[in-house]
Amino acid sequence: MAATAQARKAGRPLGAPDTREACLEAAERLFATQGFAATGLRQIGAVAGVSIATLIYHFGSKEKLYGKVLGRIADSITPYMPEPDGFEPDLDGVVAMVERFLDWSLDHGDYAALLLRELMENPSRATKARRWYLLPLIEAYAAAIREGQAKGRFGPCDPEMVAFYLTGAITHFRASTVTIQQMLALESRDEAVDRFRATLRANVKAMLLPAEE
């Protein structure tokens, strides 16, 4: 037993994979509800049940821990991205693409809330960012719209701005679903989602299709 303890790298916490996952999950919840600036390592450690020293060991700093959380968000979006094979850049195809991001936001509420905070609350960090975690999604939307325009299916909109508009609307809706439900006196969350989904489809159509003469 003593030999095993000596063989273990000095300072390495026992159960490292579980410890790391607990830290990331605690950080995700706190960053989503409080934002980056208002969340400290001590608080993350308290929720995860570890010391600050353990957090520093695994992640180095709060900034690096936050980067890992953003990376997990980006990875979680990947399965909801459109498959390149068989994708058709028409209205139905783009609507389906956008709705898959809505489905992602409904499946990952903390992630959607954190992304909204990232877009709204961190302008100073934006000037130093080396990686934009939503960029692959924005590029996929814009590429599909641009291809549809090239085939004469869509009108003269700005593909990137449409992509930013749609992702922003979805993350904002997911972060405020409970408020919307209460404000509009809706009977259920599902009713709020159904009404937003219908509005989202109508907005995609209005932005992409050529204006009728």
N, C-alpha and C. Protein backbone atom coordinates (compact mmCIF):
# COMPACT_ATOMS: atom_id res chain seq x y z
N MET A 1 0.83 -1.21 0.00
CA MET A 1 0.00 0.00 0.00
C MET A 1 0.85 1.25 0.00
N ALA A 2 1.91 1.22 0.89
CA ALA A 2 2.81 2.36 0.96
C ALA A 2 3.56 2.53 -0.34
N ALA A 3 3.97 1.38 -0.94
CA ALA A 3 4.70 1.46 -2.21
C ALA A 3 3.83 2.07 -3.29
N THR A 4 2.52 1.72 -3.28
CA THR A 4 1.60 2.28 -4.26
C THR A 4 1.48 3.78 -4.10
N ALA A 5 1.38 4.22 -2.85
CA ALA A 5 1.26 5.66 -2.59
C ALA A 5 2.50 6.40 -3.03
N GLN A 6 3.70 5.78 -2.82
CA GLN A 6 4.94 6.43 -3.24
C GLN A 6 5.06 6.48 -4.75
N ALA A 7 4.54 5.42 -5.42
CA ALA A 7 4.64 5.39 -6.87
C ALA A 7 3.76 6.44 -7.52
N ARG A 8 2.64 6.78 -6.82
CA ARG A 8 1.75 7.79 -7.37
C ARG A 8 2.48 9.13 -7.43
N LYS A 9 2.30 9.86 -8.49
CA LYS A 9 2.95 11.15 -8.66
C LYS A 9 2.64 12.05 -7.48
N ALA A 10 3.64 12.68 -6.94
CA ALA A 10 3.47 13.54 -5.77
C ALA A 10 2.47 14.65 -6.05
N GLY A 11 1.52 14.81 -5.12
CA GLY A 11 0.54 15.89 -5.26
C GLY A 11 -0.65 15.53 -6.10
N ARG A 12 -0.67 14.37 -6.73
CA ARG A 12 -1.80 14.00 -7.60
C ARG A 12 -2.96 13.50 -6.76
N PRO A 13 -4.14 14.13 -6.84
CA PRO A 13 -5.27 13.70 -6.03
C PRO A 13 -5.74 12.30 -6.42
N LEU A 14 -6.19 11.54 -5.41
CA LEU A 14 -6.77 10.24 -5.71
C LEU A 14 -8.08 10.42 -6.48
N GLY A 15 -8.43 9.45 -7.32
CA GLY A 15 -9.66 9.55 -8.10
C GLY A 15 -9.64 10.73 -9.05
N ALA A 16 -8.52 10.98 -9.71
CA ALA A 16 -8.35 12.19 -10.52
C ALA A 16 -9.41 12.38 -11.60
N PRO A 17 -9.79 11.34 -12.38
CA PRO A 17 -10.82 11.56 -13.43
C PRO A 17 -12.14 12.05 -12.84
N ASP A 18 -12.59 11.41 -11.73
CA ASP A 18 -13.84 11.82 -11.11
C ASP A 18 -13.73 13.22 -10.53
N THR A 19 -12.59 13.53 -9.95
CA THR A 19 -12.37 14.86 -9.38
C THR A 19 -12.43 15.92 -10.47
N ARG A 20 -11.79 15.66 -11.57
CA ARG A 20 -11.77 16.61 -12.68
C ARG A 20 -13.19 16.84 -13.21
N GLU A 21 -13.95 15.77 -13.35
CA GLU A 21 -15.31 15.89 -13.86
C GLU A 21 -16.19 16.67 -12.88
N ALA A 22 -16.03 16.40 -11.59
CA ALA A 22 -16.81 17.13 -10.59
C ALA A 22 -16.49 18.62 -10.63
N CYS A 23 -15.25 18.95 -10.82
CA CYS A 23 -14.84 20.36 -10.91
C CYS A 23 -15.46 21.03 -12.14
N LEU A 24 -15.42 20.35 -13.26
CA LEU A 24 -15.99 20.92 -14.48
C LEU A 24 -17.50 21.10 -14.37
N GLU A 25 -18.18 20.13 -13.79
CA GLU A 25 -19.63 20.25 -13.64
C GLU A 25 -19.99 21.39 -12.69
N ALA A 26 -19.25 21.53 -11.60
CA ALA A 26 -19.50 22.63 -10.67
C ALA A 26 -19.24 23.97 -11.36
N ALA A 27 -18.15 24.05 -12.12
CA ALA A 27 -17.82 25.30 -12.81
C ALA A 27 -18.88 25.65 -13.84
N GLU A 28 -19.36 24.66 -14.55
CA GLU A 28 -20.41 24.91 -15.55
C GLU A 28 -21.64 25.54 -14.91
N ARG A 29 -22.11 24.96 -13.81
CA ARG A 29 -23.31 25.47 -13.15
C ARG A 29 -23.10 26.89 -12.64
N LEU A 30 -21.97 27.13 -12.01
CA LEU A 30 -21.73 28.45 -11.42
C LEU A 30 -21.47 29.51 -12.48
N PHE A 31 -20.69 29.19 -13.51
CA PHE A 31 -20.47 30.16 -14.58
C PHE A 31 -21.79 30.49 -15.29
N ALA A 32 -22.67 29.49 -15.44
CA ALA A 32 -23.94 29.73 -16.13
C ALA A 32 -24.86 30.61 -15.30
N THR A 33 -24.89 30.42 -13.99
CA THR A 33 -25.83 31.17 -13.14
C THR A 33 -25.28 32.50 -12.66
N GLN A 34 -23.95 32.60 -12.53
CA GLN A 34 -23.36 33.81 -11.95
C GLN A 34 -22.47 34.60 -12.91
N GLY A 35 -21.99 33.95 -13.96
CA GLY A 35 -21.05 34.60 -14.85
C GLY A 35 -19.61 34.36 -14.44
N PHE A 36 -18.71 34.68 -15.34
CA PHE A 36 -17.28 34.42 -15.10
C PHE A 36 -16.74 35.28 -13.96
N ALA A 37 -17.00 36.58 -14.00
CA ALA A 37 -16.40 37.50 -13.03
C ALA A 37 -16.87 37.23 -11.61
N ALA A 38 -18.13 36.83 -11.45
CA ALA A 38 -18.70 36.66 -10.11
C ALA A 38 -18.41 35.29 -9.50
N THR A 39 -17.77 34.42 -10.25
CA THR A 39 -17.50 33.06 -9.77
C THR A 39 -16.02 32.91 -9.45
N GLY A 40 -15.71 32.47 -8.24
CA GLY A 40 -14.33 32.29 -7.83
C GLY A 40 -13.96 30.82 -7.68
N LEU A 41 -12.66 30.56 -7.67
CA LEU A 41 -12.20 29.18 -7.51
C LEU A 41 -12.62 28.59 -6.17
N ARG A 42 -12.63 29.41 -5.13
CA ARG A 42 -13.03 28.90 -3.82
C ARG A 42 -14.46 28.37 -3.85
N GLN A 43 -15.34 29.12 -4.52
CA GLN A 43 -16.74 28.69 -4.61
C GLN A 43 -16.88 27.44 -5.46
N ILE A 44 -16.17 27.38 -6.58
CA ILE A 44 -16.20 26.18 -7.41
C ILE A 44 -15.71 24.97 -6.62
N GLY A 45 -14.61 25.16 -5.88
CA GLY A 45 -14.08 24.08 -5.07
C GLY A 45 -15.07 23.61 -4.02
N ALA A 46 -15.78 24.55 -3.39
CA ALA A 46 -16.75 24.19 -2.36
C ALA A 46 -17.87 23.35 -2.94
N VAL A 47 -18.36 23.73 -4.13
CA VAL A 47 -19.44 22.96 -4.77
C VAL A 47 -18.94 21.59 -5.21
N ALA A 48 -17.71 21.53 -5.71
CA ALA A 48 -17.15 20.26 -6.19
C ALA A 48 -16.61 19.40 -5.06
N GLY A 49 -16.43 20.00 -3.88
CA GLY A 49 -15.89 19.25 -2.75
C GLY A 49 -14.39 19.05 -2.81
N VAL A 50 -13.69 20.04 -3.39
CA VAL A 50 -12.23 19.94 -3.48
C VAL A 50 -11.61 21.26 -3.02
N SER A 51 -10.32 21.26 -2.84
CA SER A 51 -9.60 22.46 -2.43
C SER A 51 -9.21 23.30 -3.64
N ILE A 52 -8.85 24.56 -3.38
CA ILE A 52 -8.34 25.40 -4.46
C ILE A 52 -7.07 24.79 -5.05
N ALA A 53 -6.25 24.19 -4.21
CA ALA A 53 -5.01 23.57 -4.69
C ALA A 53 -5.31 22.48 -5.72
N THR A 54 -6.38 21.72 -5.49
CA THR A 54 -6.76 20.68 -6.45
C THR A 54 -7.20 21.29 -7.77
N LEU A 55 -7.98 22.38 -7.70
CA LEU A 55 -8.40 23.07 -8.93
C LEU A 55 -7.19 23.58 -9.70
N ILE A 56 -6.25 24.18 -8.99
CA ILE A 56 -5.05 24.69 -9.65
C ILE A 56 -4.25 23.56 -10.27
N TYR A 57 -4.19 22.42 -9.57
CA TYR A 57 -3.46 21.29 -10.10
C TYR A 57 -4.04 20.83 -11.43
N HIS A 58 -5.35 20.72 -11.48
CA HIS A 58 -6.00 20.18 -12.68
C HIS A 58 -6.11 21.19 -13.81
N PHE A 59 -6.29 22.48 -13.48
CA PHE A 59 -6.62 23.46 -14.53
C PHE A 59 -5.69 24.66 -14.61
N GLY A 60 -4.93 24.93 -13.58
CA GLY A 60 -3.95 26.01 -13.63
C GLY A 60 -4.48 27.35 -13.17
N SER A 61 -5.66 27.75 -13.64
CA SER A 61 -6.23 29.05 -13.28
C SER A 61 -7.72 29.04 -13.59
N LYS A 62 -8.42 30.06 -13.09
CA LYS A 62 -9.85 30.16 -13.39
C LYS A 62 -10.06 30.36 -14.88
N GLU A 63 -9.20 31.14 -15.52
CA GLU A 63 -9.34 31.39 -16.96
C GLU A 63 -9.21 30.10 -17.76
N LYS A 64 -8.26 29.26 -17.38
CA LYS A 64 -8.07 28.00 -18.09
C LYS A 64 -9.22 27.02 -17.82
N LEU A 65 -9.73 27.04 -16.60
CA LEU A 65 -10.90 26.22 -16.29
C LEU A 65 -12.09 26.67 -17.12
N TYR A 66 -12.28 27.97 -17.24
CA TYR A 66 -13.37 28.50 -18.05
C TYR A 66 -13.21 28.07 -19.51
N GLY A 67 -11.97 28.11 -20.01
CA GLY A 67 -11.71 27.66 -21.37
C GLY A 67 -12.08 26.20 -21.56
N LYS A 68 -11.80 25.36 -20.57
CA LYS A 68 -12.19 23.94 -20.65
C LYS A 68 -13.71 23.80 -20.71
N VAL A 69 -14.41 24.61 -19.92
CA VAL A 69 -15.87 24.56 -19.94
C VAL A 69 -16.39 24.97 -21.32
N LEU A 70 -15.86 26.03 -21.89
CA LEU A 70 -16.28 26.46 -23.22
C LEU A 70 -15.97 25.37 -24.26
N GLY A 71 -14.85 24.69 -24.09
CA GLY A 71 -14.52 23.60 -24.99
C GLY A 71 -15.52 22.47 -24.91
N ARG A 72 -15.98 22.16 -23.71
CA ARG A 72 -17.00 21.12 -23.54
C ARG A 72 -18.30 21.54 -24.21
N ILE A 73 -18.62 22.83 -24.12
CA ILE A 73 -19.83 23.32 -24.79
C ILE A 73 -19.72 23.11 -26.29
N ALA A 74 -18.57 23.49 -26.85
CA ALA A 74 -18.37 23.32 -28.30
C ALA A 74 -18.49 21.85 -28.70
N ASP A 75 -17.91 20.97 -27.89
CA ASP A 75 -17.98 19.53 -28.19
C ASP A 75 -19.43 19.02 -28.13
N SER A 76 -20.21 19.58 -27.21
CA SER A 76 -21.60 19.12 -27.08
C SER A 76 -22.46 19.54 -28.26
N ILE A 77 -22.07 20.62 -28.95
CA ILE A 77 -22.83 21.09 -30.10
C ILE A 77 -22.58 20.21 -31.33
N THR A 78 -21.40 19.61 -31.42
CA THR A 78 -21.00 18.87 -32.62
C THR A 78 -22.04 17.85 -33.08
N PRO A 79 -22.63 17.03 -32.19
CA PRO A 79 -23.63 16.06 -32.67
C PRO A 79 -24.89 16.70 -33.25
N TYR A 80 -25.11 17.97 -32.97
CA TYR A 80 -26.29 18.67 -33.47
C TYR A 80 -26.02 19.43 -34.77
N MET A 81 -24.77 19.37 -35.22
CA MET A 81 -24.42 20.03 -36.48
C MET A 81 -24.96 19.20 -37.65
N PRO A 82 -25.24 19.84 -38.78
CA PRO A 82 -25.77 19.10 -39.92
C PRO A 82 -24.74 18.17 -40.52
N GLU A 83 -25.19 17.02 -40.95
CA GLU A 83 -24.31 16.09 -41.65
C GLU A 83 -24.03 16.64 -43.06
N PRO A 84 -22.76 16.70 -43.47
CA PRO A 84 -22.46 17.25 -44.80
C PRO A 84 -23.05 16.44 -45.94
N ASP A 85 -23.14 15.12 -45.76
CA ASP A 85 -23.70 14.26 -46.81
C ASP A 85 -25.22 14.33 -46.78
N GLY A 86 -25.79 14.68 -47.90
CA GLY A 86 -27.23 14.70 -48.01
C GLY A 86 -27.89 15.99 -47.58
N PHE A 87 -27.10 16.96 -47.11
CA PHE A 87 -27.70 18.23 -46.70
C PHE A 87 -28.08 19.05 -47.93
N GLU A 88 -29.28 19.56 -47.94
CA GLU A 88 -29.76 20.35 -49.07
C GLU A 88 -29.93 21.80 -48.61
N PRO A 89 -29.22 22.75 -49.26
CA PRO A 89 -29.29 24.16 -48.85
C PRO A 89 -30.55 24.86 -49.33
N ASP A 90 -31.70 24.35 -48.89
CA ASP A 90 -32.95 25.01 -49.20
C ASP A 90 -33.60 25.44 -47.88
N LEU A 91 -34.80 25.98 -47.95
CA LEU A 91 -35.44 26.50 -46.74
C LEU A 91 -35.61 25.40 -45.69
N ASP A 92 -36.11 24.23 -46.10
CA ASP A 92 -36.31 23.15 -45.15
C ASP A 92 -35.00 22.72 -44.49
N GLY A 93 -33.94 22.67 -45.30
CA GLY A 93 -32.65 22.26 -44.77
C GLY A 93 -32.11 23.24 -43.73
N VAL A 94 -32.21 24.53 -44.02
CA VAL A 94 -31.71 25.53 -43.08
C VAL A 94 -32.58 25.58 -41.83
N VAL A 95 -33.89 25.48 -42.00
CA VAL A 95 -34.78 25.45 -40.83
C VAL A 95 -34.43 24.27 -39.94
N ALA A 96 -34.21 23.11 -40.53
CA ALA A 96 -33.85 21.93 -39.74
C ALA A 96 -32.53 22.15 -39.01
N MET A 97 -31.58 22.78 -39.67
CA MET A 97 -30.29 23.07 -39.06
C MET A 97 -30.45 23.97 -37.83
N VAL A 98 -31.25 25.02 -37.99
CA VAL A 98 -31.47 25.96 -36.90
C VAL A 98 -32.22 25.28 -35.75
N GLU A 99 -33.20 24.46 -36.09
CA GLU A 99 -33.97 23.78 -35.04
C GLU A 99 -33.12 22.78 -34.27
N ARG A 100 -32.11 22.25 -34.90
CA ARG A 100 -31.22 21.34 -34.17
C ARG A 100 -30.44 22.11 -33.11
N PHE A 101 -30.09 23.35 -33.38
CA PHE A 101 -29.43 24.16 -32.35
C PHE A 101 -30.42 24.49 -31.23
N LEU A 102 -31.68 24.73 -31.57
CA LEU A 102 -32.70 24.92 -30.55
C LEU A 102 -32.82 23.66 -29.69
N ASP A 103 -32.83 22.50 -30.32
CA ASP A 103 -32.89 21.25 -29.57
C ASP A 103 -31.68 21.12 -28.64
N TRP A 104 -30.51 21.51 -29.14
CA TRP A 104 -29.31 21.47 -28.28
C TRP A 104 -29.51 22.37 -27.06
N SER A 105 -30.02 23.57 -27.27
CA SER A 105 -30.19 24.50 -26.15
C SER A 105 -31.18 23.96 -25.13
N LEU A 106 -32.21 23.25 -25.59
CA LEU A 106 -33.19 22.67 -24.68
C LEU A 106 -32.59 21.48 -23.92
N ASP A 107 -31.68 20.77 -24.55
CA ASP A 107 -31.03 19.63 -23.90
C ASP A 107 -29.90 20.04 -22.97
N HIS A 108 -29.35 21.25 -23.16
CA HIS A 108 -28.19 21.72 -22.39
C HIS A 108 -28.45 23.14 -21.89
N GLY A 109 -29.36 23.25 -20.93
CA GLY A 109 -29.77 24.57 -20.46
C GLY A 109 -28.65 25.40 -19.88
N ASP A 110 -27.79 24.80 -19.04
CA ASP A 110 -26.69 25.55 -18.45
C ASP A 110 -25.73 26.05 -19.52
N TYR A 111 -25.48 25.21 -20.52
CA TYR A 111 -24.58 25.61 -21.59
C TYR A 111 -25.13 26.81 -22.36
N ALA A 112 -26.42 26.77 -22.68
CA ALA A 112 -27.03 27.87 -23.41
C ALA A 112 -26.97 29.17 -22.61
N ALA A 113 -27.23 29.08 -21.31
CA ALA A 113 -27.17 30.26 -20.45
C ALA A 113 -25.75 30.81 -20.39
N LEU A 114 -24.77 29.91 -20.33
CA LEU A 114 -23.38 30.35 -20.27
C LEU A 114 -22.96 31.02 -21.57
N LEU A 115 -23.40 30.47 -22.70
CA LEU A 115 -23.08 31.09 -23.98
C LEU A 115 -23.66 32.49 -24.08
N LEU A 116 -24.88 32.67 -23.58
CA LEU A 116 -25.48 34.00 -23.61
C LEU A 116 -24.67 34.97 -22.76
N ARG A 117 -24.24 34.54 -21.60
CA ARG A 117 -23.39 35.39 -20.77
C ARG A 117 -22.07 35.71 -21.49
N GLU A 118 -21.53 34.72 -22.15
CA GLU A 118 -20.27 34.91 -22.87
C GLU A 118 -20.43 35.97 -23.97
N LEU A 119 -21.56 35.96 -24.65
CA LEU A 119 -21.79 36.92 -25.72
C LEU A 119 -22.03 38.33 -25.19
N MET A 120 -22.63 38.44 -24.00
CA MET A 120 -23.07 39.74 -23.50
C MET A 120 -22.16 40.37 -22.46
N GLU A 121 -21.45 39.55 -21.67
CA GLU A 121 -20.81 40.09 -20.47
C GLU A 121 -19.29 40.15 -20.52
N ASN A 122 -18.71 39.67 -21.57
CA ASN A 122 -17.25 39.56 -21.54
C ASN A 122 -16.55 40.30 -22.69
N PRO A 123 -16.88 41.58 -22.93
CA PRO A 123 -16.22 42.28 -24.03
C PRO A 123 -14.72 42.43 -23.85
N SER A 124 -14.25 42.56 -22.61
CA SER A 124 -12.82 42.71 -22.39
C SER A 124 -12.06 41.43 -22.72
N ARG A 125 -12.67 40.29 -22.42
CA ARG A 125 -12.02 39.02 -22.76
C ARG A 125 -12.08 38.77 -24.25
N ALA A 126 -13.09 39.30 -24.92
CA ALA A 126 -13.23 39.06 -26.37
C ALA A 126 -12.03 39.58 -27.13
N THR A 127 -11.42 40.66 -26.65
CA THR A 127 -10.28 41.23 -27.36
C THR A 127 -9.04 40.34 -27.25
N LYS A 128 -9.07 39.40 -26.30
CA LYS A 128 -7.91 38.53 -26.09
C LYS A 128 -8.17 37.09 -26.52
N ALA A 129 -9.37 36.83 -27.00
CA ALA A 129 -9.75 35.45 -27.30
C ALA A 129 -8.92 34.88 -28.44
N ARG A 130 -8.49 33.64 -28.28
CA ARG A 130 -7.75 32.94 -29.33
C ARG A 130 -8.62 31.93 -30.07
N ARG A 131 -9.73 31.60 -29.46
CA ARG A 131 -10.62 30.62 -30.08
C ARG A 131 -12.05 31.06 -29.84
N TRP A 132 -12.87 30.97 -30.90
CA TRP A 132 -14.28 31.31 -30.81
C TRP A 132 -15.07 30.02 -30.92
N TYR A 133 -15.67 29.60 -29.82
CA TYR A 133 -16.24 28.26 -29.73
C TYR A 133 -17.52 28.10 -30.54
N LEU A 134 -18.22 29.21 -30.84
CA LEU A 134 -19.42 29.13 -31.66
C LEU A 134 -19.13 29.30 -33.15
N LEU A 135 -17.89 29.62 -33.48
CA LEU A 135 -17.57 29.94 -34.86
C LEU A 135 -17.89 28.80 -35.83
N PRO A 136 -17.59 27.54 -35.53
CA PRO A 136 -17.94 26.47 -36.48
C PRO A 136 -19.44 26.43 -36.79
N LEU A 137 -20.27 26.69 -35.79
CA LEU A 137 -21.71 26.70 -36.01
C LEU A 137 -22.10 27.87 -36.90
N ILE A 138 -21.57 29.06 -36.61
CA ILE A 138 -21.86 30.24 -37.42
C ILE A 138 -21.42 30.01 -38.86
N GLU A 139 -20.24 29.44 -39.04
CA GLU A 139 -19.72 29.18 -40.39
C GLU A 139 -20.59 28.18 -41.13
N ALA A 140 -21.09 27.15 -40.43
CA ALA A 140 -21.95 26.15 -41.08
C ALA A 140 -23.25 26.79 -41.55
N TYR A 141 -23.86 27.63 -40.69
CA TYR A 141 -25.08 28.32 -41.09
C TYR A 141 -24.82 29.21 -42.30
N ALA A 142 -23.77 30.02 -42.21
CA ALA A 142 -23.47 30.98 -43.27
C ALA A 142 -23.17 30.28 -44.59
N ALA A 143 -22.43 29.16 -44.52
CA ALA A 143 -22.09 28.42 -45.74
C ALA A 143 -23.36 27.86 -46.40
N ALA A 144 -24.28 27.34 -45.59
CA ALA A 144 -25.52 26.81 -46.14
C ALA A 144 -26.36 27.90 -46.80
N ILE A 145 -26.42 29.06 -46.15
CA ILE A 145 -27.19 30.18 -46.71
C ILE A 145 -26.54 30.67 -48.00
N ARG A 146 -25.23 30.78 -47.98
CA ARG A 146 -24.52 31.26 -49.17
C ARG A 146 -24.70 30.30 -50.34
N GLU A 147 -24.68 29.01 -50.05
CA GLU A 147 -24.89 28.02 -51.13
C GLU A 147 -26.30 28.13 -51.68
N GLY A 148 -27.27 28.33 -50.78
CA GLY A 148 -28.64 28.52 -51.24
C GLY A 148 -28.81 29.76 -52.09
N GLN A 149 -28.09 30.82 -51.73
CA GLN A 149 -28.12 32.04 -52.54
C GLN A 149 -27.53 31.79 -53.92
N ALA A 150 -26.43 31.04 -53.96
CA ALA A 150 -25.79 30.76 -55.24
C ALA A 150 -26.71 29.96 -56.17
N LYS A 151 -27.61 29.17 -55.58
CA LYS A 151 -28.54 28.37 -56.37
C LYS A 151 -29.85 29.11 -56.62
N GLY A 152 -29.91 30.37 -56.22
CA GLY A 152 -31.10 31.17 -56.47
C GLY A 152 -32.28 30.87 -55.57
N ARG A 153 -32.04 30.21 -54.46
CA ARG A 153 -33.13 29.82 -53.56
C ARG A 153 -33.40 30.86 -52.48
N PHE A 154 -32.39 31.66 -52.14
CA PHE A 154 -32.52 32.65 -51.08
C PHE A 154 -32.29 34.05 -51.62
N GLY A 155 -32.83 35.03 -50.94
CA GLY A 155 -32.65 36.42 -51.32
C GLY A 155 -31.31 36.98 -50.84
N PRO A 156 -31.10 38.28 -51.05
CA PRO A 156 -29.82 38.92 -50.74
C PRO A 156 -29.68 39.34 -49.27
N CYS A 157 -29.57 38.34 -48.37
CA CYS A 157 -29.34 38.65 -46.96
C CYS A 157 -27.85 38.51 -46.65
N ASP A 158 -27.44 38.90 -45.45
CA ASP A 158 -26.06 38.77 -44.99
C ASP A 158 -25.96 37.44 -44.24
N PRO A 159 -25.33 36.42 -44.81
CA PRO A 159 -25.34 35.09 -44.19
C PRO A 159 -24.79 35.06 -42.76
N GLU A 160 -23.67 35.74 -42.53
CA GLU A 160 -23.09 35.72 -41.18
C GLU A 160 -23.99 36.41 -40.16
N MET A 161 -24.56 37.55 -40.54
CA MET A 161 -25.41 38.27 -39.60
C MET A 161 -26.70 37.49 -39.31
N VAL A 162 -27.23 36.82 -40.31
CA VAL A 162 -28.40 35.96 -40.08
C VAL A 162 -28.03 34.85 -39.09
N ALA A 163 -26.85 34.26 -39.26
CA ALA A 163 -26.41 33.19 -38.36
C ALA A 163 -26.26 33.70 -36.93
N PHE A 164 -25.66 34.88 -36.76
CA PHE A 164 -25.52 35.45 -35.42
C PHE A 164 -26.89 35.76 -34.82
N TYR A 165 -27.78 36.29 -35.64
CA TYR A 165 -29.12 36.62 -35.16
C TYR A 165 -29.83 35.38 -34.64
N LEU A 166 -29.78 34.31 -35.40
CA LEU A 166 -30.50 33.10 -35.04
C LEU A 166 -29.93 32.43 -33.79
N THR A 167 -28.61 32.31 -33.73
CA THR A 167 -28.01 31.68 -32.55
C THR A 167 -28.24 32.54 -31.31
N GLY A 168 -28.17 33.86 -31.46
CA GLY A 168 -28.43 34.74 -30.34
C GLY A 168 -29.86 34.65 -29.84
N ALA A 169 -30.81 34.60 -30.78
CA ALA A 169 -32.22 34.49 -30.40
C ALA A 169 -32.49 33.19 -29.66
N ILE A 170 -31.87 32.12 -30.11
CA ILE A 170 -32.11 30.81 -29.48
C ILE A 170 -31.52 30.77 -28.08
N THR A 171 -30.29 31.23 -27.91
CA THR A 171 -29.68 31.20 -26.59
C THR A 171 -30.42 32.13 -25.62
N HIS A 172 -30.88 33.28 -26.12
CA HIS A 172 -31.63 34.19 -25.26
C HIS A 172 -32.96 33.56 -24.84
N PHE A 173 -33.64 32.92 -25.77
CA PHE A 173 -34.90 32.26 -25.42
C PHE A 173 -34.68 31.19 -24.37
N ARG A 174 -33.66 30.35 -24.57
CA ARG A 174 -33.44 29.25 -23.61
C ARG A 174 -33.10 29.78 -22.23
N ALA A 175 -32.34 30.85 -22.17
CA ALA A 175 -31.96 31.40 -20.87
C ALA A 175 -33.14 32.06 -20.15
N SER A 176 -34.17 32.47 -20.90
CA SER A 176 -35.28 33.19 -20.29
C SER A 176 -36.61 32.46 -20.43
N THR A 177 -36.57 31.15 -20.69
CA THR A 177 -37.81 30.40 -20.91
C THR A 177 -38.76 30.49 -19.73
N VAL A 178 -38.24 30.33 -18.53
CA VAL A 178 -39.11 30.38 -17.34
C VAL A 178 -39.75 31.76 -17.21
N THR A 179 -38.97 32.81 -17.43
CA THR A 179 -39.51 34.17 -17.35
C THR A 179 -40.61 34.38 -18.40
N ILE A 180 -40.36 33.91 -19.62
CA ILE A 180 -41.35 34.05 -20.69
C ILE A 180 -42.63 33.31 -20.33
N GLN A 181 -42.48 32.10 -19.80
CA GLN A 181 -43.65 31.30 -19.43
C GLN A 181 -44.49 32.03 -18.39
N GLN A 182 -43.84 32.60 -17.38
CA GLN A 182 -44.57 33.31 -16.33
C GLN A 182 -45.15 34.63 -16.83
N MET A 183 -44.39 35.36 -17.62
CA MET A 183 -44.83 36.66 -18.11
C MET A 183 -46.06 36.54 -19.00
N LEU A 184 -46.08 35.51 -19.83
CA LEU A 184 -47.20 35.31 -20.75
C LEU A 184 -48.28 34.40 -20.18
N ALA A 185 -48.11 33.99 -18.92
CA ALA A 185 -49.09 33.11 -18.26
C ALA A 185 -49.36 31.85 -19.07
N LEU A 186 -48.31 31.25 -19.56
CA LEU A 186 -48.44 30.01 -20.33
C LEU A 186 -48.57 28.83 -19.38
N GLU A 187 -49.29 27.81 -19.81
CA GLU A 187 -49.56 26.69 -18.93
C GLU A 187 -48.36 25.78 -18.73
N SER A 188 -47.45 25.76 -19.70
CA SER A 188 -46.31 24.85 -19.59
C SER A 188 -45.11 25.39 -20.35
N ARG A 189 -43.95 24.81 -20.03
CA ARG A 189 -42.73 25.13 -20.77
C ARG A 189 -42.86 24.69 -22.22
N ASP A 190 -43.53 23.57 -22.43
CA ASP A 190 -43.69 23.06 -23.80
C ASP A 190 -44.45 24.07 -24.67
N GLU A 191 -45.43 24.75 -24.09
CA GLU A 191 -46.16 25.74 -24.86
C GLU A 191 -45.26 26.90 -25.29
N ALA A 192 -44.39 27.33 -24.37
CA ALA A 192 -43.44 28.39 -24.71
C ALA A 192 -42.50 27.94 -25.82
N VAL A 193 -42.02 26.71 -25.72
CA VAL A 193 -41.10 26.17 -26.73
C VAL A 193 -41.80 26.06 -28.08
N ASP A 194 -43.02 25.56 -28.10
CA ASP A 194 -43.75 25.41 -29.36
C ASP A 194 -43.98 26.76 -30.03
N ARG A 195 -44.34 27.77 -29.26
CA ARG A 195 -44.58 29.09 -29.84
C ARG A 195 -43.28 29.71 -30.36
N PHE A 196 -42.19 29.51 -29.61
CA PHE A 196 -40.91 30.05 -30.08
C PHE A 196 -40.45 29.32 -31.33
N ARG A 197 -40.62 28.00 -31.36
CA ARG A 197 -40.19 27.22 -32.53
C ARG A 197 -40.95 27.68 -33.78
N ALA A 198 -42.24 27.92 -33.66
CA ALA A 198 -43.03 28.38 -34.80
C ALA A 198 -42.57 29.76 -35.26
N THR A 199 -42.26 30.63 -34.30
CA THR A 199 -41.77 31.96 -34.64
C THR A 199 -40.39 31.89 -35.29
N LEU A 200 -39.55 30.99 -34.80
CA LEU A 200 -38.22 30.81 -35.37
C LEU A 200 -38.32 30.39 -36.83
N ARG A 201 -39.18 29.44 -37.12
CA ARG A 201 -39.36 29.00 -38.50
C ARG A 201 -39.83 30.15 -39.39
N ALA A 202 -40.78 30.93 -38.89
CA ALA A 202 -41.29 32.07 -39.68
C ALA A 202 -40.19 33.10 -39.93
N ASN A 203 -39.35 33.34 -38.94
CA ASN A 203 -38.28 34.32 -39.10
C ASN A 203 -37.22 33.85 -40.09
N VAL A 204 -36.89 32.56 -40.05
CA VAL A 204 -35.94 32.02 -41.03
C VAL A 204 -36.48 32.22 -42.44
N LYS A 205 -37.74 31.89 -42.63
CA LYS A 205 -38.36 32.06 -43.95
C LYS A 205 -38.36 33.51 -44.37
N ALA A 206 -38.70 34.43 -43.46
CA ALA A 206 -38.76 35.85 -43.81
C ALA A 206 -37.39 36.40 -44.16
N MET A 207 -36.35 35.92 -43.49
CA MET A 207 -35.01 36.45 -43.74
C MET A 207 -34.38 35.88 -45.00
N LEU A 208 -34.73 34.64 -45.36
CA LEU A 208 -34.03 33.97 -46.44
C LEU A 208 -34.73 34.05 -47.80
N LEU A 209 -36.04 33.97 -47.82
CA LEU A 209 -36.70 33.91 -49.11
C LEU A 209 -36.78 35.29 -49.77
N PRO A 210 -36.67 35.31 -51.07
CA PRO A 210 -36.76 36.60 -51.79
C PRO A 210 -38.12 37.24 -51.53
N ALA A 211 -38.11 38.57 -51.45
CA ALA A 211 -39.37 39.28 -51.25
C ALA A 211 -40.29 39.10 -52.47
N GLU A 212 -41.57 38.89 -52.17
CA GLU A 212 -42.50 38.71 -53.27
C GLU A 212 -42.75 40.04 -53.98
N GLU A 213 -42.82 39.96 -55.26
CA GLU A 213 -43.07 41.17 -56.08
C GLU A 213 -44.48 41.67 -55.85
